[in-house]
Amino acid sequence: MTTSTRFERAITKLYSAFHNKTLNPDDCKECAVGNILDNKDHWQHLTDKHGSITLNYVGKVHQNLGRKLNGYTPIELLQIESAFLKGCGYHMTTDNRLHKPKTINDSVLFDGLCKVVETLCILDNINNIMDCSLLFNFKPQQLQLQDS
């Protein structure tokens, strides 16, 4: 499978962060995007709310100027971070606040990374490398509800 340079670099950085215990969803330098961006936190100024995929004024300016950070546009970075947080069990409450799960351990971080990899694959228009259905020659079927 052919992948992009940005994809390879991102996966390598995330792999290192996970195994070096430097992956932390609560630290903008050590979250998924923070690691992809070489442990920098400037990306947090692209949105007003952590976990949001809505660009603020600064984010829109950078997006409209075609700026990329380590190969990713501002909206792509927010999508990656949102996927990571959701995969780790974070969610937005009804009052638009980010709710943190009770525990963050390696299993939770791995689930978050799986969502990040899925998102990175979508952004690069490649098959999800975490999808085992090809390995097992399995085609998922849609759930059909039975009438009662």
N, C-alpha and C. Protein backbone atom coordinates (compact mmCIF):
# COMPACT_ATOMS: atom_id res chain seq x y z
N MET A 1 0.84 -1.17 0.00
CA MET A 1 0.00 0.00 0.00
C MET A 1 0.89 1.24 0.00
N THR A 2 0.56 2.18 -0.86
CA THR A 2 1.30 3.42 -0.93
C THR A 2 0.65 4.45 -0.01
N THR A 3 1.47 5.08 0.82
CA THR A 3 0.97 6.11 1.73
C THR A 3 1.76 7.38 1.52
N SER A 4 1.24 8.47 2.07
CA SER A 4 1.91 9.76 1.93
C SER A 4 3.00 9.92 2.97
N THR A 5 3.86 10.87 2.74
CA THR A 5 4.92 11.18 3.70
C THR A 5 4.32 11.66 5.01
N ARG A 6 3.29 12.50 4.92
CA ARG A 6 2.68 13.02 6.15
C ARG A 6 2.08 11.89 6.98
N PHE A 7 1.48 10.93 6.29
CA PHE A 7 0.88 9.78 6.98
C PHE A 7 1.97 8.97 7.70
N GLU A 8 3.04 8.66 6.99
CA GLU A 8 4.13 7.89 7.58
C GLU A 8 4.73 8.60 8.79
N ARG A 9 4.95 9.89 8.66
CA ARG A 9 5.52 10.66 9.78
C ARG A 9 4.58 10.68 10.97
N ALA A 10 3.30 10.88 10.70
CA ALA A 10 2.32 10.94 11.79
C ALA A 10 2.26 9.60 12.52
N ILE A 11 2.19 8.51 11.78
CA ILE A 11 2.12 7.18 12.40
C ILE A 11 3.38 6.90 13.22
N THR A 12 4.53 7.26 12.70
CA THR A 12 5.78 7.05 13.42
C THR A 12 5.81 7.83 14.73
N LYS A 13 5.38 9.08 14.68
CA LYS A 13 5.36 9.91 15.89
C LYS A 13 4.37 9.38 16.91
N LEU A 14 3.20 8.95 16.45
CA LEU A 14 2.19 8.43 17.37
C LEU A 14 2.62 7.10 17.98
N TYR A 15 3.27 6.26 17.19
CA TYR A 15 3.80 4.99 17.68
C TYR A 15 4.81 5.26 18.80
N SER A 16 5.72 6.18 18.54
CA SER A 16 6.75 6.52 19.55
C SER A 16 6.11 7.09 20.80
N ALA A 17 5.16 7.98 20.63
CA ALA A 17 4.51 8.60 21.78
C ALA A 17 3.79 7.55 22.64
N PHE A 18 3.10 6.63 21.99
CA PHE A 18 2.37 5.59 22.73
C PHE A 18 3.34 4.72 23.53
N HIS A 19 4.40 4.28 22.89
CA HIS A 19 5.33 3.37 23.57
C HIS A 19 6.28 4.08 24.53
N ASN A 20 6.47 5.37 24.36
CA ASN A 20 7.32 6.13 25.29
C ASN A 20 6.50 6.78 26.40
N LYS A 21 5.20 6.47 26.43
CA LYS A 21 4.30 7.02 27.46
C LYS A 21 4.23 8.54 27.42
N THR A 22 4.30 9.10 26.21
CA THR A 22 4.19 10.56 26.05
C THR A 22 2.96 10.91 25.23
N LEU A 23 1.92 10.15 25.40
CA LEU A 23 0.64 10.40 24.75
C LEU A 23 -0.37 10.72 25.84
N ASN A 24 -0.90 11.94 25.83
CA ASN A 24 -1.78 12.40 26.89
C ASN A 24 -2.88 13.28 26.29
N PRO A 25 -4.13 12.85 26.32
CA PRO A 25 -5.20 13.63 25.72
C PRO A 25 -5.49 14.95 26.44
N ASP A 26 -4.98 15.11 27.64
CA ASP A 26 -5.22 16.34 28.40
C ASP A 26 -4.11 17.38 28.26
N ASP A 27 -3.11 17.10 27.45
CA ASP A 27 -1.99 18.02 27.26
C ASP A 27 -1.85 18.31 25.76
N CYS A 28 -2.03 19.56 25.38
CA CYS A 28 -2.04 19.90 23.95
C CYS A 28 -0.69 19.68 23.27
N LYS A 29 0.36 19.46 24.03
CA LYS A 29 1.67 19.13 23.44
C LYS A 29 1.87 17.62 23.32
N GLU A 30 1.08 16.84 24.08
CA GLU A 30 1.25 15.40 24.10
C GLU A 30 0.03 14.62 23.63
N CYS A 31 -0.96 15.33 23.09
CA CYS A 31 -2.13 14.64 22.54
C CYS A 31 -1.76 14.14 21.14
N ALA A 32 -2.72 13.64 20.42
CA ALA A 32 -2.44 13.12 19.07
C ALA A 32 -1.86 14.21 18.18
N VAL A 33 -2.52 15.35 18.10
CA VAL A 33 -2.04 16.43 17.23
C VAL A 33 -0.75 17.04 17.77
N GLY A 34 -0.65 17.19 19.08
CA GLY A 34 0.58 17.72 19.66
C GLY A 34 1.79 16.87 19.28
N ASN A 35 1.64 15.58 19.30
CA ASN A 35 2.73 14.69 18.90
C ASN A 35 3.01 14.78 17.41
N ILE A 36 1.96 14.83 16.59
CA ILE A 36 2.15 14.96 15.14
C ILE A 36 2.89 16.26 14.82
N LEU A 37 2.64 17.30 15.62
CA LEU A 37 3.27 18.61 15.40
C LEU A 37 4.51 18.81 16.27
N ASP A 38 5.22 17.73 16.55
CA ASP A 38 6.50 17.80 17.24
C ASP A 38 6.40 18.40 18.63
N ASN A 39 5.35 18.05 19.34
CA ASN A 39 5.12 18.49 20.72
C ASN A 39 5.04 20.00 20.87
N LYS A 40 4.44 20.62 19.87
CA LYS A 40 4.16 22.07 19.91
C LYS A 40 2.68 22.26 20.24
N ASP A 41 2.36 23.40 20.83
CA ASP A 41 0.97 23.64 21.21
C ASP A 41 0.28 24.75 20.42
N HIS A 42 0.93 25.29 19.40
CA HIS A 42 0.34 26.41 18.65
C HIS A 42 -0.95 26.04 17.95
N TRP A 43 -1.18 24.77 17.71
CA TRP A 43 -2.38 24.33 17.00
C TRP A 43 -3.65 24.61 17.81
N GLN A 44 -3.51 24.72 19.15
CA GLN A 44 -4.68 24.92 20.00
C GLN A 44 -5.39 26.25 19.73
N HIS A 45 -4.71 27.16 19.06
CA HIS A 45 -5.31 28.47 18.76
C HIS A 45 -6.15 28.45 17.50
N LEU A 46 -6.33 27.27 16.89
CA LEU A 46 -7.14 27.15 15.68
C LEU A 46 -8.62 27.03 15.99
N THR A 47 -8.95 26.75 17.24
CA THR A 47 -10.34 26.59 17.68
C THR A 47 -10.50 27.20 19.06
N ASP A 48 -11.75 27.47 19.43
CA ASP A 48 -12.00 28.04 20.75
C ASP A 48 -12.26 26.99 21.82
N LYS A 49 -12.58 25.77 21.40
CA LYS A 49 -12.89 24.71 22.36
C LYS A 49 -12.11 23.45 22.04
N HIS A 50 -11.44 22.91 23.03
CA HIS A 50 -10.70 21.66 22.88
C HIS A 50 -11.68 20.55 22.51
N GLY A 51 -11.38 19.84 21.45
CA GLY A 51 -12.25 18.77 20.99
C GLY A 51 -13.22 19.18 19.90
N SER A 52 -13.31 20.47 19.65
CA SER A 52 -14.21 20.97 18.61
C SER A 52 -13.59 20.83 17.23
N ILE A 53 -14.42 20.68 16.22
CA ILE A 53 -13.93 20.66 14.84
C ILE A 53 -14.33 21.95 14.13
N THR A 54 -14.66 22.98 14.92
CA THR A 54 -15.02 24.27 14.37
C THR A 54 -13.83 25.22 14.47
N LEU A 55 -13.38 25.69 13.32
CA LEU A 55 -12.28 26.65 13.30
C LEU A 55 -12.75 28.00 13.83
N ASN A 56 -11.89 28.67 14.59
CA ASN A 56 -12.18 30.04 14.99
C ASN A 56 -11.61 30.98 13.93
N TYR A 57 -11.58 32.28 14.21
CA TYR A 57 -11.10 33.23 13.22
C TYR A 57 -9.67 32.93 12.78
N VAL A 58 -8.80 32.69 13.74
CA VAL A 58 -7.39 32.39 13.42
C VAL A 58 -7.30 31.12 12.57
N GLY A 59 -8.05 30.10 12.96
CA GLY A 59 -8.06 28.85 12.21
C GLY A 59 -8.56 29.04 10.78
N LYS A 60 -9.61 29.84 10.63
CA LYS A 60 -10.15 30.10 9.29
C LYS A 60 -9.16 30.85 8.41
N VAL A 61 -8.45 31.79 9.01
CA VAL A 61 -7.44 32.53 8.24
C VAL A 61 -6.37 31.57 7.74
N HIS A 62 -5.85 30.75 8.61
CA HIS A 62 -4.82 29.79 8.21
C HIS A 62 -5.35 28.79 7.17
N GLN A 63 -6.59 28.34 7.37
CA GLN A 63 -7.20 27.41 6.43
C GLN A 63 -7.35 28.06 5.05
N ASN A 64 -7.86 29.29 5.03
CA ASN A 64 -8.09 29.98 3.76
C ASN A 64 -6.80 30.37 3.05
N LEU A 65 -5.73 30.54 3.81
CA LEU A 65 -4.43 30.84 3.21
C LEU A 65 -3.74 29.57 2.71
N GLY A 66 -4.34 28.42 3.00
CA GLY A 66 -3.76 27.15 2.55
C GLY A 66 -2.59 26.68 3.39
N ARG A 67 -2.49 27.18 4.60
CA ARG A 67 -1.38 26.80 5.48
C ARG A 67 -1.52 25.35 5.90
N LYS A 68 -0.39 24.71 6.03
CA LYS A 68 -0.36 23.32 6.51
C LYS A 68 0.70 23.21 7.60
N LEU A 69 0.39 22.42 8.58
CA LEU A 69 1.30 22.15 9.68
C LEU A 69 1.68 20.68 9.60
N ASN A 70 2.94 20.43 9.32
CA ASN A 70 3.43 19.06 9.09
C ASN A 70 2.56 18.30 8.10
N GLY A 71 2.09 19.02 7.09
CA GLY A 71 1.33 18.43 6.00
C GLY A 71 -0.18 18.46 6.17
N TYR A 72 -0.67 18.88 7.32
CA TYR A 72 -2.10 18.86 7.60
C TYR A 72 -2.68 20.27 7.68
N THR A 73 -3.86 20.45 7.10
CA THR A 73 -4.56 21.73 7.18
C THR A 73 -5.14 21.89 8.58
N PRO A 74 -5.49 23.11 8.96
CA PRO A 74 -6.09 23.31 10.29
C PRO A 74 -7.33 22.45 10.54
N ILE A 75 -8.22 22.35 9.57
CA ILE A 75 -9.43 21.55 9.78
C ILE A 75 -9.09 20.07 9.91
N GLU A 76 -8.09 19.60 9.19
CA GLU A 76 -7.67 18.21 9.32
C GLU A 76 -7.11 17.94 10.72
N LEU A 77 -6.35 18.87 11.24
CA LEU A 77 -5.80 18.71 12.59
C LEU A 77 -6.92 18.62 13.64
N LEU A 78 -7.94 19.45 13.49
CA LEU A 78 -9.05 19.39 14.44
C LEU A 78 -9.82 18.08 14.31
N GLN A 79 -9.94 17.56 13.10
CA GLN A 79 -10.61 16.27 12.90
C GLN A 79 -9.81 15.14 13.56
N ILE A 80 -8.50 15.21 13.43
CA ILE A 80 -7.63 14.20 14.05
C ILE A 80 -7.77 14.24 15.56
N GLU A 81 -7.71 15.43 16.13
CA GLU A 81 -7.81 15.55 17.59
C GLU A 81 -9.18 15.12 18.09
N SER A 82 -10.22 15.50 17.38
CA SER A 82 -11.57 15.10 17.76
C SER A 82 -11.72 13.58 17.75
N ALA A 83 -11.17 12.93 16.73
CA ALA A 83 -11.22 11.47 16.65
C ALA A 83 -10.48 10.84 17.83
N PHE A 84 -9.33 11.40 18.17
CA PHE A 84 -8.54 10.88 19.29
C PHE A 84 -9.33 10.99 20.59
N LEU A 85 -9.89 12.15 20.84
CA LEU A 85 -10.64 12.34 22.08
C LEU A 85 -11.86 11.44 22.16
N LYS A 86 -12.60 11.34 21.07
CA LYS A 86 -13.78 10.46 21.05
C LYS A 86 -13.35 9.01 21.26
N GLY A 87 -12.27 8.60 20.61
CA GLY A 87 -11.77 7.24 20.78
C GLY A 87 -11.33 6.95 22.20
N CYS A 88 -10.90 7.99 22.91
CA CYS A 88 -10.48 7.85 24.31
C CYS A 88 -11.66 7.95 25.28
N GLY A 89 -12.85 8.17 24.75
CA GLY A 89 -14.04 8.22 25.61
C GLY A 89 -14.49 9.60 26.02
N TYR A 90 -13.89 10.64 25.48
CA TYR A 90 -14.34 12.00 25.75
C TYR A 90 -15.61 12.25 24.94
N HIS A 91 -16.46 13.14 25.44
CA HIS A 91 -17.62 13.55 24.66
C HIS A 91 -18.07 14.94 25.09
N MET A 92 -18.79 15.58 24.19
CA MET A 92 -19.32 16.91 24.48
C MET A 92 -20.62 16.76 25.26
N THR A 93 -20.77 17.54 26.31
CA THR A 93 -22.00 17.53 27.09
C THR A 93 -23.03 18.42 26.41
N THR A 94 -24.24 18.42 26.94
CA THR A 94 -25.30 19.24 26.35
C THR A 94 -25.00 20.73 26.44
N ASP A 95 -24.19 21.13 27.41
CA ASP A 95 -23.82 22.55 27.51
C ASP A 95 -22.49 22.84 26.80
N ASN A 96 -22.13 21.95 25.85
CA ASN A 96 -20.98 22.13 24.97
C ASN A 96 -19.64 22.16 25.71
N ARG A 97 -19.54 21.35 26.75
CA ARG A 97 -18.27 21.19 27.46
C ARG A 97 -17.73 19.80 27.19
N LEU A 98 -16.42 19.69 27.21
CA LEU A 98 -15.77 18.40 26.96
C LEU A 98 -15.74 17.60 28.25
N HIS A 99 -16.38 16.44 28.24
CA HIS A 99 -16.42 15.58 29.41
C HIS A 99 -15.32 14.53 29.32
N LYS A 100 -14.53 14.44 30.35
CA LYS A 100 -13.39 13.52 30.41
C LYS A 100 -13.83 12.18 31.00
N PRO A 101 -13.32 11.07 30.44
CA PRO A 101 -13.64 9.76 31.04
C PRO A 101 -12.97 9.62 32.40
N LYS A 102 -13.46 8.67 33.20
CA LYS A 102 -12.93 8.49 34.55
C LYS A 102 -11.48 8.04 34.57
N THR A 103 -11.13 7.15 33.67
CA THR A 103 -9.76 6.64 33.65
C THR A 103 -9.16 6.72 32.25
N ILE A 104 -7.88 7.02 32.22
CA ILE A 104 -7.11 7.01 30.98
C ILE A 104 -5.97 6.02 31.20
N ASN A 105 -6.01 4.90 30.49
CA ASN A 105 -4.94 3.91 30.58
C ASN A 105 -4.50 3.54 29.17
N ASP A 106 -3.60 2.59 29.07
CA ASP A 106 -3.08 2.21 27.75
C ASP A 106 -4.17 1.70 26.81
N SER A 107 -5.14 0.99 27.35
CA SER A 107 -6.23 0.48 26.50
C SER A 107 -7.05 1.63 25.93
N VAL A 108 -7.33 2.61 26.75
CA VAL A 108 -8.09 3.78 26.31
C VAL A 108 -7.29 4.55 25.26
N LEU A 109 -6.01 4.75 25.52
CA LEU A 109 -5.16 5.45 24.56
C LEU A 109 -5.06 4.69 23.25
N PHE A 110 -4.99 3.37 23.32
CA PHE A 110 -4.94 2.57 22.10
C PHE A 110 -6.23 2.72 21.30
N ASP A 111 -7.37 2.72 21.98
CA ASP A 111 -8.64 2.93 21.29
C ASP A 111 -8.65 4.30 20.60
N GLY A 112 -8.12 5.30 21.28
CA GLY A 112 -8.02 6.63 20.68
C GLY A 112 -7.13 6.63 19.46
N LEU A 113 -6.00 5.93 19.56
CA LEU A 113 -5.08 5.85 18.42
C LEU A 113 -5.71 5.14 17.23
N CYS A 114 -6.51 4.12 17.50
CA CYS A 114 -7.19 3.42 16.39
C CYS A 114 -8.10 4.39 15.63
N LYS A 115 -8.79 5.25 16.36
CA LYS A 115 -9.65 6.25 15.71
C LYS A 115 -8.81 7.27 14.94
N VAL A 116 -7.65 7.62 15.48
CA VAL A 116 -6.76 8.55 14.78
C VAL A 116 -6.27 7.93 13.48
N VAL A 117 -5.84 6.68 13.54
CA VAL A 117 -5.35 6.00 12.34
C VAL A 117 -6.46 5.92 11.30
N GLU A 118 -7.66 5.60 11.72
CA GLU A 118 -8.81 5.56 10.81
C GLU A 118 -9.00 6.93 10.14
N THR A 119 -8.91 7.99 10.93
CA THR A 119 -9.07 9.35 10.40
C THR A 119 -7.94 9.70 9.44
N LEU A 120 -6.70 9.36 9.81
CA LEU A 120 -5.56 9.63 8.93
C LEU A 120 -5.73 8.91 7.59
N CYS A 121 -6.24 7.69 7.63
CA CYS A 121 -6.47 6.93 6.39
C CYS A 121 -7.54 7.61 5.53
N ILE A 122 -8.60 8.08 6.16
CA ILE A 122 -9.66 8.78 5.43
C ILE A 122 -9.09 10.05 4.79
N LEU A 123 -8.31 10.80 5.55
CA LEU A 123 -7.75 12.06 5.03
C LEU A 123 -6.81 11.82 3.85
N ASP A 124 -6.13 10.67 3.84
CA ASP A 124 -5.21 10.35 2.74
C ASP A 124 -5.85 9.44 1.68
N ASN A 125 -7.15 9.19 1.87
CA ASN A 125 -7.90 8.39 0.90
C ASN A 125 -7.27 7.01 0.67
N ILE A 126 -6.93 6.35 1.77
CA ILE A 126 -6.39 4.99 1.69
C ILE A 126 -7.25 4.08 2.56
N ASN A 127 -7.15 2.79 2.32
CA ASN A 127 -7.89 1.83 3.14
C ASN A 127 -7.39 1.90 4.58
N ASN A 128 -8.31 1.71 5.51
CA ASN A 128 -7.97 1.74 6.93
C ASN A 128 -7.03 0.58 7.25
N ILE A 129 -5.82 0.90 7.64
CA ILE A 129 -4.83 -0.14 7.91
C ILE A 129 -5.15 -0.91 9.18
N MET A 130 -6.07 -0.42 9.98
CA MET A 130 -6.47 -1.10 11.21
C MET A 130 -7.66 -2.04 10.98
N ASP A 131 -8.22 -2.03 9.78
CA ASP A 131 -9.39 -2.83 9.46
C ASP A 131 -8.96 -4.28 9.18
N CYS A 132 -9.43 -5.19 9.99
CA CYS A 132 -9.06 -6.62 9.86
C CYS A 132 -9.98 -7.37 8.90
N SER A 133 -11.02 -6.73 8.38
CA SER A 133 -11.99 -7.45 7.55
C SER A 133 -11.33 -8.02 6.29
N LEU A 134 -10.34 -7.33 5.73
CA LEU A 134 -9.64 -7.86 4.55
C LEU A 134 -8.82 -9.09 4.92
N LEU A 135 -8.18 -9.04 6.06
CA LEU A 135 -7.37 -10.16 6.52
C LEU A 135 -8.21 -11.44 6.66
N PHE A 136 -9.42 -11.28 7.17
CA PHE A 136 -10.28 -12.43 7.41
C PHE A 136 -11.32 -12.64 6.30
N ASN A 137 -11.18 -11.87 5.21
CA ASN A 137 -12.10 -11.99 4.08
C ASN A 137 -13.54 -11.89 4.56
N PHE A 138 -13.83 -10.85 5.32
CA PHE A 138 -15.14 -10.65 5.93
C PHE A 138 -15.74 -9.34 5.45
N LYS A 139 -16.99 -9.39 5.06
CA LYS A 139 -17.71 -8.19 4.66
C LYS A 139 -18.80 -7.93 5.69
N PRO A 140 -18.66 -6.83 6.45
CA PRO A 140 -19.67 -6.53 7.48
C PRO A 140 -21.05 -6.36 6.85
N GLN A 141 -22.06 -6.89 7.52
CA GLN A 141 -23.43 -6.74 7.05
C GLN A 141 -24.12 -5.70 7.91
N GLN A 142 -25.06 -5.01 7.30
CA GLN A 142 -25.84 -4.05 8.07
C GLN A 142 -26.82 -4.79 8.95
N LEU A 143 -27.02 -4.25 10.12
CA LEU A 143 -27.95 -4.83 11.07
C LEU A 143 -29.36 -4.64 10.55
N GLN A 144 -30.13 -5.73 10.51
CA GLN A 144 -31.51 -5.66 10.06
C GLN A 144 -32.42 -5.90 11.27
N LEU A 145 -33.34 -5.00 11.46
CA LEU A 145 -34.27 -5.13 12.57
C LEU A 145 -35.41 -6.06 12.20
N GLN A 146 -35.80 -6.88 13.11
CA GLN A 146 -36.93 -7.79 12.87
C GLN A 146 -38.20 -7.15 13.35
N ASP A 147 -39.27 -7.33 12.62
CA ASP A 147 -40.56 -6.84 13.06
C ASP A 147 -41.08 -7.75 14.17
N SER A 148 -41.65 -7.14 15.20
CA SER A 148 -42.17 -7.97 16.27
C SER A 148 -43.66 -7.93 16.34
